[in-house]
Amino acid sequence: MAIKRKYIDSHWLVFIFQGAIALLFGCLTLFTSDESAAGLIPIVGIFLLALSVVEFANSLYRSRHQQGWLVAVLIALFDAGFGLAMLFVADQAMVWHLSLVAAYTGLRGIFELLMGFRTTVDPTDRFIWALCGVVGIIFGLVIFNSGHLENIEFMRFFGAYMMILGVCSLIYGIHNREQGIEDREARSIAAKKAIKTKTLKSTRKN
């Protein structure tokens, strides 16, 4: 619980980078003219590996503060594992592609939903995480049940989810930065008050 709570307070640039990567990939997937999902699977793998690199960097940042690094490492391994799996099954049948994409989307949605309801009381933070979680679970189920459609459609669904995740990550990153500024200002004001109180007490004693 404490570790997860620290994770959502990771440096705001982590979420900005993640949001930018997800948004770029979402646009690429939604608006591509590729007629086969097989051509997009390697791109999915590379995209997930890029997300894992951001998370590994986040784990190094968190390890300096000895807070939240384990969750960041687990997320990085999760993204890296699915990214490598996508690259390995690029030449396999579509059922492999669809199953991996659906599993990744649904599992990430569950994680984000848990983060929203178990690690923060801030209404804005909770809404952003919960929205990503619900969307991920829904799209995971939709992708899993889209095998009867054209083989590119489940990638379109995944791209739509990535665009939503990207926008939410960018919003959360900006909100997280604003919270950090407010926290620093609050700590500064509290420190000044403490010094003033201490000075007054010292003056009265003298």
C-alpha atoms as a PDB file:
ATOM      1  CA  MET A   1       0.000   0.000   0.000  1.00  0.00           C
ATOM      2  CA  ALA A   2       2.696   2.486   0.998  1.00  0.00           C
ATOM      3  CA  ILE A   3       4.854   1.520  -1.982  1.00  0.00           C
ATOM      4  CA  LYS A   4       1.967   1.891  -4.405  1.00  0.00           C
ATOM      5  CA  ARG A   5       1.054   5.232  -2.898  1.00  0.00           C
ATOM      6  CA  LYS A   6       4.617   6.420  -3.502  1.00  0.00           C
ATOM      7  CA  TYR A   7       4.503   5.131  -7.087  1.00  0.00           C
ATOM      8  CA  ILE A   8       1.656   7.419  -8.110  1.00  0.00           C
ATOM      9  CA  ASP A   9       3.783  10.325  -6.895  1.00  0.00           C
ATOM     10  CA  SER A  10       6.595   9.478  -9.316  1.00  0.00           C
ATOM     11  CA  HIS A  11       8.224  12.365 -11.166  1.00  0.00           C
ATOM     12  CA  TRP A  12       5.665  14.041 -13.412  1.00  0.00           C
ATOM     13  CA  LEU A  13       7.903  13.637 -16.477  1.00  0.00           C
ATOM     14  CA  VAL A  14       7.473   9.852 -16.232  1.00  0.00           C
ATOM     15  CA  PHE A  15       3.765  10.183 -17.000  1.00  0.00           C
ATOM     16  CA  ILE A  16       4.394  12.830 -19.661  1.00  0.00           C
ATOM     17  CA  PHE A  17       6.801  10.509 -21.515  1.00  0.00           C
ATOM     18  CA  GLN A  18       4.435   7.558 -21.135  1.00  0.00           C
ATOM     19  CA  GLY A  19       1.521   9.639 -22.356  1.00  0.00           C
ATOM     20  CA  ALA A  20       3.424  10.910 -25.378  1.00  0.00           C
ATOM     21  CA  ILE A  21       4.536   7.392 -26.357  1.00  0.00           C
ATOM     22  CA  ALA A  22       1.039   5.938 -25.931  1.00  0.00           C
ATOM     23  CA  LEU A  23      -0.600   8.818 -27.817  1.00  0.00           C
ATOM     24  CA  LEU A  24       1.863   8.528 -30.702  1.00  0.00           C
ATOM     25  CA  PHE A  25       1.348   4.776 -30.954  1.00  0.00           C
ATOM     26  CA  GLY A  26      -2.423   5.135 -30.684  1.00  0.00           C
ATOM     27  CA  CYS A  27      -2.508   7.602 -33.579  1.00  0.00           C
ATOM     28  CA  LEU A  28      -0.208   5.363 -35.635  1.00  0.00           C
ATOM     29  CA  THR A  29      -2.422   2.323 -35.064  1.00  0.00           C
ATOM     30  CA  LEU A  30      -5.760   4.033 -35.580  1.00  0.00           C
ATOM     31  CA  PHE A  31      -4.880   5.857 -38.744  1.00  0.00           C
ATOM     32  CA  THR A  32      -2.583   3.346 -40.420  1.00  0.00           C
ATOM     33  CA  SER A  33      -3.545   1.895 -43.773  1.00  0.00           C
ATOM     34  CA  ASP A  34      -1.860  -1.453 -43.085  1.00  0.00           C
ATOM     35  CA  GLU A  35      -4.160  -4.291 -44.106  1.00  0.00           C
ATOM     36  CA  SER A  36      -2.677  -6.863 -41.746  1.00  0.00           C
ATOM     37  CA  ALA A  37      -2.232  -6.864 -37.980  1.00  0.00           C
ATOM     38  CA  ALA A  38       0.962  -8.894 -38.445  1.00  0.00           C
ATOM     39  CA  GLY A  39       2.686  -5.787 -39.752  1.00  0.00           C
ATOM     40  CA  LEU A  40       1.750  -3.861 -36.594  1.00  0.00           C
ATOM     41  CA  ILE A  41       2.669  -6.492 -34.002  1.00  0.00           C
ATOM     42  CA  PRO A  42       6.423  -5.724 -34.109  1.00  0.00           C
ATOM     43  CA  ILE A  43       5.555  -2.044 -33.645  1.00  0.00           C
ATOM     44  CA  VAL A  44       3.491  -2.981 -30.591  1.00  0.00           C
ATOM     45  CA  GLY A  45       6.495  -4.852 -29.207  1.00  0.00           C
ATOM     46  CA  ILE A  46       8.806  -1.887 -29.758  1.00  0.00           C
ATOM     47  CA  PHE A  47       6.257   0.458 -28.210  1.00  0.00           C
ATOM     48  CA  LEU A  48       5.925  -1.696 -25.083  1.00  0.00           C
ATOM     49  CA  LEU A  49       9.706  -1.914 -24.787  1.00  0.00           C
ATOM     50  CA  ALA A  50       9.834   1.895 -24.969  1.00  0.00           C
ATOM     51  CA  LEU A  51       7.343   2.085 -22.096  1.00  0.00           C
ATOM     52  CA  SER A  52       9.455  -0.373 -20.109  1.00  0.00           C
ATOM     53  CA  VAL A  53      12.540   1.821 -20.597  1.00  0.00           C
ATOM     54  CA  VAL A  54      10.637   4.778 -19.125  1.00  0.00           C
ATOM     55  CA  GLU A  55       9.573   2.634 -16.168  1.00  0.00           C
ATOM     56  CA  PHE A  56      13.104   1.350 -15.579  1.00  0.00           C
ATOM     57  CA  ALA A  57      14.295   4.960 -15.536  1.00  0.00           C
ATOM     58  CA  ASN A  58      11.504   5.712 -13.072  1.00  0.00           C
ATOM     59  CA  SER A  59      12.624   2.822 -10.851  1.00  0.00           C
ATOM     60  CA  LEU A  60      16.137   4.269 -10.751  1.00  0.00           C
ATOM     61  CA  TYR A  61      14.707   7.645  -9.782  1.00  0.00           C
ATOM     62  CA  ARG A  62      12.519   6.071  -7.108  1.00  0.00           C
ATOM     63  CA  SER A  63      15.426   3.973  -5.764  1.00  0.00           C
ATOM     64  CA  ARG A  64      17.330   7.167  -4.961  1.00  0.00           C
ATOM     65  CA  HIS A  65      14.498   8.021  -2.580  1.00  0.00           C
ATOM     66  CA  GLN A  66      14.072   4.366  -1.540  1.00  0.00           C
ATOM     67  CA  GLN A  67      10.344   4.632  -2.227  1.00  0.00           C
ATOM     68  CA  GLY A  68       8.148   3.016  -4.863  1.00  0.00           C
ATOM     69  CA  TRP A  69      10.993   1.519  -6.901  1.00  0.00           C
ATOM     70  CA  LEU A  70       9.726  -2.062  -6.659  1.00  0.00           C
ATOM     71  CA  VAL A  71       6.373  -1.257  -8.260  1.00  0.00           C
ATOM     72  CA  ALA A  72       8.135   0.634 -11.049  1.00  0.00           C
ATOM     73  CA  VAL A  73      10.421  -2.359 -11.675  1.00  0.00           C
ATOM     74  CA  LEU A  74       7.464  -4.763 -11.799  1.00  0.00           C
ATOM     75  CA  ILE A  75       5.627  -2.532 -14.278  1.00  0.00           C
ATOM     76  CA  ALA A  76       8.769  -2.259 -16.393  1.00  0.00           C
ATOM     77  CA  LEU A  77       9.146  -6.058 -16.424  1.00  0.00           C
ATOM     78  CA  PHE A  78       5.459  -6.405 -17.289  1.00  0.00           C
ATOM     79  CA  ASP A  79       5.784  -4.074 -20.286  1.00  0.00           C
ATOM     80  CA  ALA A  80       9.108  -5.583 -21.354  1.00  0.00           C
ATOM     81  CA  GLY A  81       7.765  -9.133 -21.081  1.00  0.00           C
ATOM     82  CA  PHE A  82       4.777  -8.440 -23.305  1.00  0.00           C
ATOM     83  CA  GLY A  83       6.927  -6.379 -25.668  1.00  0.00           C
ATOM     84  CA  LEU A  84       9.368  -9.245 -26.197  1.00  0.00           C
ATOM     85  CA  ALA A  85       6.501 -11.708 -26.506  1.00  0.00           C
ATOM     86  CA  MET A  86       5.014  -9.566 -29.309  1.00  0.00           C
ATOM     87  CA  LEU A  87       8.301  -9.616 -31.170  1.00  0.00           C
ATOM     88  CA  PHE A  88       8.680 -13.386 -30.741  1.00  0.00           C
ATOM     89  CA  VAL A  89       5.168 -14.194 -32.050  1.00  0.00           C
ATOM     90  CA  ALA A  90       5.203 -11.685 -34.904  1.00  0.00           C
ATOM     91  CA  ASP A  91       5.285 -14.524 -37.443  1.00  0.00           C
ATOM     92  CA  GLN A  92       2.699 -16.672 -35.660  1.00  0.00           C
ATOM     93  CA  ALA A  93      -1.035 -16.959 -36.277  1.00  0.00           C
ATOM     94  CA  MET A  94      -3.372 -14.068 -35.506  1.00  0.00           C
ATOM     95  CA  VAL A  95      -4.768 -15.861 -32.453  1.00  0.00           C
ATOM     96  CA  TRP A  96      -1.437 -15.316 -30.711  1.00  0.00           C
ATOM     97  CA  HIS A  97      -1.434 -11.623 -31.557  1.00  0.00           C
ATOM     98  CA  LEU A  98      -5.004 -11.111 -30.441  1.00  0.00           C
ATOM     99  CA  SER A  99      -4.568 -13.064 -27.200  1.00  0.00           C
ATOM    100  CA  LEU A 100      -1.429 -11.185 -26.151  1.00  0.00           C
ATOM    101  CA  VAL A 101      -2.876  -7.758 -26.952  1.00  0.00           C
ATOM    102  CA  ALA A 102      -6.117  -8.585 -25.098  1.00  0.00           C
ATOM    103  CA  ALA A 103      -4.220  -9.942 -22.079  1.00  0.00           C
ATOM    104  CA  TYR A 104      -1.951  -6.905 -21.881  1.00  0.00           C
ATOM    105  CA  THR A 105      -4.840  -4.448 -22.191  1.00  0.00           C
ATOM    106  CA  GLY A 106      -7.031  -6.188 -19.610  1.00  0.00           C
ATOM    107  CA  LEU A 107      -4.254  -6.744 -17.056  1.00  0.00           C
ATOM    108  CA  ARG A 108      -3.030  -3.168 -17.338  1.00  0.00           C
ATOM    109  CA  GLY A 109      -6.610  -1.987 -16.882  1.00  0.00           C
ATOM    110  CA  ILE A 110      -6.963  -4.037 -13.679  1.00  0.00           C
ATOM    111  CA  PHE A 111      -3.714  -2.574 -12.324  1.00  0.00           C
ATOM    112  CA  GLU A 112      -4.810   0.990 -13.080  1.00  0.00           C
ATOM    113  CA  LEU A 113      -8.204   0.418 -11.490  1.00  0.00           C
ATOM    114  CA  LEU A 114      -6.564  -0.883  -8.311  1.00  0.00           C
ATOM    115  CA  MET A 115      -4.244   2.114  -8.278  1.00  0.00           C
ATOM    116  CA  GLY A 116      -7.198   4.463  -8.554  1.00  0.00           C
ATOM    117  CA  PHE A 117      -9.212   3.024  -5.688  1.00  0.00           C
ATOM    118  CA  ARG A 118      -6.483   1.853  -3.315  1.00  0.00           C
ATOM    119  CA  THR A 119      -3.670   4.370  -3.452  1.00  0.00           C
ATOM    120  CA  THR A 120      -5.142   7.858  -3.538  1.00  0.00           C
ATOM    121  CA  VAL A 121      -7.938   9.913  -2.021  1.00  0.00           C
ATOM    122  CA  ASP A 122      -7.458  12.846  -4.391  1.00  0.00           C
ATOM    123  CA  PRO A 123     -10.632  12.904  -6.560  1.00  0.00           C
ATOM    124  CA  THR A 124      -8.814  13.998  -9.734  1.00  0.00           C
ATOM    125  CA  ASP A 125      -6.104  11.334  -9.385  1.00  0.00           C
ATOM    126  CA  ARG A 126      -8.673   8.673  -8.589  1.00  0.00           C
ATOM    127  CA  PHE A 127     -10.835   9.594 -11.568  1.00  0.00           C
ATOM    128  CA  ILE A 128      -7.889   9.491 -14.004  1.00  0.00           C
ATOM    129  CA  TRP A 129      -6.607   6.103 -12.794  1.00  0.00           C
ATOM    130  CA  ALA A 130     -10.098   4.603 -12.530  1.00  0.00           C
ATOM    131  CA  LEU A 131     -11.026   5.816 -16.021  1.00  0.00           C
ATOM    132  CA  CYS A 132      -7.906   4.227 -17.516  1.00  0.00           C
ATOM    133  CA  GLY A 133      -8.626   1.030 -15.609  1.00  0.00           C
ATOM    134  CA  VAL A 134     -12.248   0.705 -16.711  1.00  0.00           C
ATOM    135  CA  VAL A 135     -11.349   1.526 -20.316  1.00  0.00           C
ATOM    136  CA  GLY A 136      -8.525  -1.028 -20.260  1.00  0.00           C
ATOM    137  CA  ILE A 137     -10.742  -3.820 -18.944  1.00  0.00           C
ATOM    138  CA  ILE A 138     -13.502  -3.022 -21.443  1.00  0.00           C
ATOM    139  CA  PHE A 139     -11.138  -2.846 -24.401  1.00  0.00           C
ATOM    140  CA  GLY A 140      -9.397  -6.014 -23.250  1.00  0.00           C
ATOM    141  CA  LEU A 141     -12.708  -7.872 -23.406  1.00  0.00           C
ATOM    142  CA  VAL A 142     -13.627  -6.269 -26.729  1.00  0.00           C
ATOM    143  CA  ILE A 143     -10.277  -7.240 -28.247  1.00  0.00           C
ATOM    144  CA  PHE A 144     -10.580 -10.796 -26.930  1.00  0.00           C
ATOM    145  CA  ASN A 145     -14.005 -11.138 -28.555  1.00  0.00           C
ATOM    146  CA  SER A 146     -13.082  -9.473 -31.863  1.00  0.00           C
ATOM    147  CA  GLY A 147     -11.581 -12.538 -33.523  1.00  0.00           C
ATOM    148  CA  HIS A 148     -14.537 -12.816 -35.897  1.00  0.00           C
ATOM    149  CA  LEU A 149     -13.899  -9.325 -37.277  1.00  0.00           C
ATOM    150  CA  GLU A 150     -11.298  -8.319 -39.845  1.00  0.00           C
ATOM    151  CA  ASN A 151      -7.832  -9.067 -38.539  1.00  0.00           C
ATOM    152  CA  ILE A 152      -6.891  -5.370 -38.310  1.00  0.00           C
ATOM    153  CA  GLU A 153      -9.844  -4.399 -36.109  1.00  0.00           C
ATOM    154  CA  PHE A 154      -8.464  -5.613 -32.786  1.00  0.00           C
ATOM    155  CA  MET A 155      -5.397  -3.444 -33.396  1.00  0.00           C
ATOM    156  CA  ARG A 156      -7.677  -0.465 -33.969  1.00  0.00           C
ATOM    157  CA  PHE A 157      -9.297  -1.154 -30.601  1.00  0.00           C
ATOM    158  CA  PHE A 158      -5.886  -1.362 -28.988  1.00  0.00           C
ATOM    159  CA  GLY A 159      -4.892   1.909 -30.639  1.00  0.00           C
ATOM    160  CA  ALA A 160      -8.024   3.588 -29.298  1.00  0.00           C
ATOM    161  CA  TYR A 161      -7.184   2.377 -25.785  1.00  0.00           C
ATOM    162  CA  MET A 162      -3.626   3.676 -26.159  1.00  0.00           C
ATOM    163  CA  MET A 163      -4.889   7.094 -27.184  1.00  0.00           C
ATOM    164  CA  ILE A 164      -7.119   7.270 -24.109  1.00  0.00           C
ATOM    165  CA  LEU A 165      -4.247   6.057 -21.912  1.00  0.00           C
ATOM    166  CA  GLY A 166      -1.940   8.620 -23.498  1.00  0.00           C
ATOM    167  CA  VAL A 167      -4.291  11.544 -22.916  1.00  0.00           C
ATOM    168  CA  CYS A 168      -4.959  10.461 -19.316  1.00  0.00           C
ATOM    169  CA  SER A 169      -1.232  10.045 -18.630  1.00  0.00           C
ATOM    170  CA  LEU A 170      -0.508  13.527 -19.965  1.00  0.00           C
ATOM    171  CA  ILE A 171      -3.287  15.018 -17.843  1.00  0.00           C
ATOM    172  CA  TYR A 172      -2.062  13.135 -14.774  1.00  0.00           C
ATOM    173  CA  GLY A 173       1.519  14.243 -15.395  1.00  0.00           C
ATOM    174  CA  ILE A 174       0.467  17.893 -15.559  1.00  0.00           C
ATOM    175  CA  HIS A 175      -1.728  17.497 -12.475  1.00  0.00           C
ATOM    176  CA  ASN A 176       1.079  15.723 -10.628  1.00  0.00           C
ATOM    177  CA  ARG A 177       3.448  18.609 -11.413  1.00  0.00           C
ATOM    178  CA  GLU A 178       0.924  21.137 -10.090  1.00  0.00           C
ATOM    179  CA  GLN A 179       0.538  19.077  -6.933  1.00  0.00           C
ATOM    180  CA  GLY A 180       4.310  19.019  -6.481  1.00  0.00           C
ATOM    181  CA  ILE A 181       4.502  22.801  -6.768  1.00  0.00           C
ATOM    182  CA  GLU A 182       1.661  23.217  -4.273  1.00  0.00           C
ATOM    183  CA  ASP A 183       3.329  20.783  -1.852  1.00  0.00           C
ATOM    184  CA  ARG A 184       6.628  22.667  -2.020  1.00  0.00           C
ATOM    185  CA  GLU A 185       4.870  25.950  -1.394  1.00  0.00           C
ATOM    186  CA  ALA A 186       2.960  24.459   1.542  1.00  0.00           C
ATOM    187  CA  ARG A 187       6.171  23.052   3.050  1.00  0.00           C
ATOM    188  CA  SER A 188       7.895  26.392   2.592  1.00  0.00           C
ATOM    189  CA  ILE A 189       5.069  28.248   4.332  1.00  0.00           C
ATOM    190  CA  ALA A 190       5.003  25.699   7.158  1.00  0.00           C
ATOM    191  CA  ALA A 191       8.771  25.990   7.600  1.00  0.00           C
ATOM    192  CA  LYS A 192       8.574  29.782   7.764  1.00  0.00           C
ATOM    193  CA  LYS A 193       5.790  29.590  10.337  1.00  0.00           C
ATOM    194  CA  ALA A 194       7.792  27.126  12.410  1.00  0.00           C
ATOM    195  CA  ILE A 195      10.829  29.423  12.359  1.00  0.00           C
ATOM    196  CA  LYS A 196       8.676  32.414  13.267  1.00  0.00           C
ATOM    197  CA  THR A 197       7.042  30.537  16.149  1.00  0.00           C
ATOM    198  CA  LYS A 198      10.415  29.358  17.422  1.00  0.00           C
ATOM    199  CA  THR A 199      11.785  32.912  17.250  1.00  0.00           C
ATOM    200  CA  LEU A 200       8.799  34.307  19.177  1.00  0.00           C
ATOM    201  CA  LYS A 201       9.161  31.668  21.876  1.00  0.00           C
ATOM    202  CA  SER A 202      12.865  32.380  22.173  1.00  0.00           C
ATOM    203  CA  THR A 203      12.180  36.137  22.426  1.00  0.00           C
ATOM    204  CA  ARG A 204       9.595  35.662  25.182  1.00  0.00           C
ATOM    205  CA  LYS A 205      11.972  33.524  27.219  1.00  0.00           C
ATOM    206  CA  ASN A 206      14.622  36.230  27.019  1.00  0.00           C
END
